[in-house]
Protein backbone atom coordinates (compact mmCIF):
# COMPACT_ATOMS: atom_id res chain seq x y z
CA SER A 1 17.59 -1.98 -9.34
CA LYS A 2 17.07 -5.71 -9.64
CA VAL A 3 13.62 -5.36 -8.08
CA GLY A 4 12.63 -2.17 -9.86
CA LEU A 5 11.94 1.32 -8.63
CA HIS A 6 11.48 0.35 -4.97
CA ALA A 7 12.02 2.46 -1.85
CA ARG A 8 15.78 3.14 -2.05
CA PRO A 9 16.10 4.16 -5.73
CA ALA A 10 12.71 5.88 -5.59
CA SER A 11 13.79 7.96 -2.59
CA LEU A 12 17.00 8.99 -4.40
CA LEU A 13 14.95 9.99 -7.46
CA VAL A 14 12.45 11.93 -5.33
CA LYS A 15 15.22 13.75 -3.45
CA ALA A 16 16.97 14.76 -6.68
CA ALA A 17 13.68 15.83 -8.30
CA SER A 18 12.72 17.88 -5.23
CA ASN A 19 16.13 19.54 -5.05
CA SER A 20 16.04 20.46 -8.74
CA GLY A 21 13.60 23.32 -8.21
CA LEU A 22 11.82 22.33 -11.44
CA ALA A 23 8.67 20.33 -12.09
CA VAL A 24 9.65 16.74 -12.80
CA THR A 25 7.40 13.84 -13.80
CA VAL A 26 8.08 10.16 -14.24
CA ALA A 27 5.91 7.66 -16.07
CA ILE A 28 5.71 4.22 -17.56
CA PRO A 29 4.61 4.63 -21.20
CA GLY A 30 0.83 4.42 -21.46
CA GLN A 31 0.32 5.40 -17.82
CA GLN A 32 -0.44 8.75 -16.23
CA PRO A 33 2.76 10.67 -15.32
CA ALA A 34 3.53 10.91 -11.61
CA ASN A 35 5.04 13.81 -9.69
CA ALA A 36 8.67 12.73 -9.28
CA ALA A 37 8.93 14.77 -6.07
CA SER A 38 6.35 12.50 -4.37
CA LEU A 39 7.63 9.20 -3.01
CA LEU A 40 4.15 7.68 -2.88
CA SER A 41 3.46 8.68 -6.49
CA VAL A 42 6.75 7.21 -7.72
CA LEU A 43 6.24 3.96 -5.81
CA ALA A 44 2.66 3.72 -7.12
CA LEU A 45 4.03 3.45 -10.66
CA GLY A 46 5.12 -0.08 -9.83
CA ALA A 47 8.11 0.10 -12.19
CA LYS A 48 9.94 -3.21 -12.34
CA GLN A 49 13.40 -4.05 -13.66
CA GLY A 50 13.36 -3.84 -17.44
CA ASP A 51 10.39 -1.43 -17.61
CA THR A 52 10.81 1.69 -19.70
CA VAL A 53 10.52 4.82 -17.56
CA GLU A 54 10.03 8.28 -19.06
CA ILE A 55 11.30 11.28 -17.11
CA SER A 56 10.29 14.83 -18.03
CA VAL A 57 11.84 17.98 -16.59
CA ALA A 58 10.28 21.41 -17.06
CA GLU A 59 12.35 23.94 -18.99
CA GLY A 60 14.60 25.92 -16.73
CA GLU A 61 18.14 26.52 -15.63
CA ASP A 62 20.21 23.32 -15.89
CA SER A 63 17.20 21.24 -17.00
CA ASP A 64 19.39 19.11 -19.29
CA SER A 65 21.90 18.27 -16.55
CA ILE A 66 19.06 17.62 -14.08
CA LEU A 67 17.48 15.19 -16.55
CA ALA A 68 20.81 13.44 -17.08
CA HIS A 69 21.27 13.06 -13.31
CA LEU A 70 17.75 11.64 -12.86
CA VAL A 71 18.30 9.16 -15.71
CA GLU A 72 21.56 8.08 -14.10
CA ILE A 73 19.75 7.39 -10.82
CA VAL A 74 17.16 5.21 -12.56
CA GLU A 75 19.72 3.35 -14.70
CA THR A 76 22.09 2.59 -11.81
CA ASN A 77 21.59 -0.52 -9.70
CA GLN A 78 21.12 1.13 -6.31
CA ASP A 79 21.22 -2.23 -4.52
CA GLU A 80 24.99 -2.65 -4.88
């Protein structure tokens, strides 16, 4: 998103993380990872456009495809 990980893209990320059934965290390098299933935690990261965001998905069924989907959400401009 042009303004970063604000309410709309954050809510899409949180919904996908929650629906995954696996533990998912998101972080800006050098900061404490946040629970990706918590909207307040994701918004508190304060990720802006151009920031590097690290997403981690616990090992489990379809963890690779879940990670790919979450990355796609973050990389896509959700404002269009």
